[in-house]
Amino acid sequence: MGWVSVCKVSYVKPDFPFSALVNNKRIGVYILDGEYFAMEDVCPHANALLTQGFMDGETVECPLHGALFDIRTGQCLREPGERDLNTYPVRISGDQIEVNLAVE
């Protein structure tokens, strides 16, 4: 599986990331300083959607137990995140945001 469309560019706002279900994977799409990022959207600790969490700069906090992740890299910055998250390359095609799910 390679590049797949996940949403329109207009669906992603600086303080409101977009959650997509693509091939049974929950993907969160974020915009930081005009650049788009995609990573797993489910916290490995408690199965919460990170796109419903609390964004602060380049981080997102899990809404259930406070695990903190770097949006750019997927790195777990504070437990109980258990592990780093997979991130995915992003490209824009017309008005669509596409992610490459072949890269993990």
Protein backbone atom coordinates (compact mmCIF):
# COMPACT_ATOMS: atom_id res chain seq x y z
CA MET A 1 0.00 0.00 0.00
CA GLY A 2 1.41 3.39 -0.94
CA TRP A 3 -0.10 6.86 -1.17
CA VAL A 4 -3.75 7.19 -0.18
CA SER A 5 -6.00 10.23 0.10
CA VAL A 6 -7.13 10.91 3.66
CA CYS A 7 -8.96 14.24 3.47
CA LYS A 8 -9.24 17.64 1.84
CA VAL A 9 -6.67 20.26 2.80
CA SER A 10 -9.47 22.46 4.16
CA TYR A 11 -10.40 19.80 6.75
CA VAL A 12 -7.19 20.34 8.77
CA LYS A 13 -6.96 23.48 10.92
CA PRO A 14 -4.04 24.58 13.14
CA ASP A 15 -5.90 23.79 16.37
CA PHE A 16 -8.20 21.11 14.94
CA PRO A 17 -6.42 18.08 13.45
CA PHE A 18 -8.32 15.62 11.28
CA SER A 19 -8.87 11.97 12.15
CA ALA A 20 -9.21 9.51 9.28
CA LEU A 21 -9.85 5.78 9.12
CA VAL A 22 -7.77 4.45 6.24
CA ASN A 23 -7.49 0.71 5.59
CA ASN A 24 -8.40 -0.04 9.23
CA LYS A 25 -5.79 2.41 10.55
CA ARG A 26 -6.66 5.58 12.46
CA ILE A 27 -4.47 8.40 11.15
CA GLY A 28 -4.27 11.89 12.63
CA VAL A 29 -3.37 14.74 10.26
CA TYR A 30 -1.96 17.94 11.76
CA ILE A 31 -0.74 21.26 10.40
CA LEU A 32 2.20 23.05 12.04
CA ASP A 33 3.56 26.28 10.57
CA GLY A 34 1.98 25.48 7.20
CA GLU A 35 3.42 21.96 7.03
CA TYR A 36 1.28 18.82 7.28
CA PHE A 37 2.12 15.81 9.45
CA ALA A 38 0.45 12.41 9.85
CA MET A 39 0.81 9.86 12.62
CA GLU A 40 -1.10 7.11 14.34
CA ASP A 41 -4.19 8.59 15.95
CA VAL A 42 -4.70 6.02 18.71
CA CYS A 43 -2.78 6.30 21.97
CA PRO A 44 -1.14 2.91 22.60
CA HIS A 45 -1.81 3.19 26.33
CA ALA A 46 -5.59 3.52 26.43
CA ASN A 47 -7.00 3.48 22.91
CA ALA A 48 -7.98 7.18 22.90
CA LEU A 49 -7.96 9.32 19.77
CA LEU A 50 -5.10 11.79 19.99
CA THR A 51 -6.83 14.18 17.59
CA GLN A 52 -9.31 14.71 20.43
CA GLY A 53 -6.45 15.53 22.79
CA PHE A 54 -4.81 18.81 23.72
CA MET A 55 -2.40 20.43 21.28
CA ASP A 56 0.34 22.71 22.54
CA GLY A 57 2.83 23.84 19.92
CA GLU A 58 4.33 20.73 18.34
CA THR A 59 2.88 18.27 20.86
CA VAL A 60 -0.42 16.54 21.47
CA GLU A 61 -1.54 15.19 24.85
CA CYS A 62 -3.75 12.14 25.15
CA PRO A 63 -7.16 13.20 26.49
CA LEU A 64 -7.40 10.23 28.89
CA HIS A 65 -4.16 9.88 30.83
CA GLY A 66 -1.84 12.67 29.67
CA ALA A 67 0.67 10.80 27.52
CA LEU A 68 2.48 13.38 25.38
CA PHE A 69 3.66 12.92 21.78
CA ASP A 70 5.71 15.00 19.36
CA ILE A 71 3.54 15.63 16.28
CA ARG A 72 6.52 15.91 13.91
CA THR A 73 8.29 12.70 14.97
CA GLY A 74 5.73 10.60 16.88
CA GLN A 75 8.16 10.40 19.82
CA CYS A 76 6.59 9.65 23.19
CA LEU A 77 7.66 12.55 25.41
CA ARG A 78 5.75 11.60 28.56
CA GLU A 79 4.36 8.32 29.81
CA PRO A 80 2.08 6.43 29.93
CA GLY A 81 2.44 6.48 26.13
CA GLU A 82 4.30 3.14 26.15
CA ARG A 83 6.03 3.68 22.77
CA ASP A 84 6.69 6.10 19.95
CA LEU A 85 3.98 6.39 17.30
CA ASN A 86 4.33 5.59 13.61
CA THR A 87 4.48 8.66 11.41
CA TYR A 88 3.74 8.80 7.69
CA PRO A 89 5.02 10.94 4.81
CA VAL A 90 2.48 13.53 3.64
CA ARG A 91 1.99 15.16 0.26
CA ILE A 92 -0.60 17.48 -1.23
CA SER A 93 -2.28 16.53 -4.50
CA GLY A 94 -4.67 19.24 -5.67
CA ASP A 95 -6.98 19.85 -2.71
CA GLN A 96 -6.29 16.42 -1.15
CA ILE A 97 -3.90 15.40 1.61
CA GLU A 98 -2.31 12.04 0.88
CA VAL A 99 -0.24 9.87 3.21
CA ASN A 100 2.09 7.00 2.41
CA LEU A 101 1.05 4.08 4.61
CA ALA A 102 3.77 1.84 3.19
CA VAL A 103 6.31 3.64 5.40
CA GLU A 104 6.33 2.63 9.09
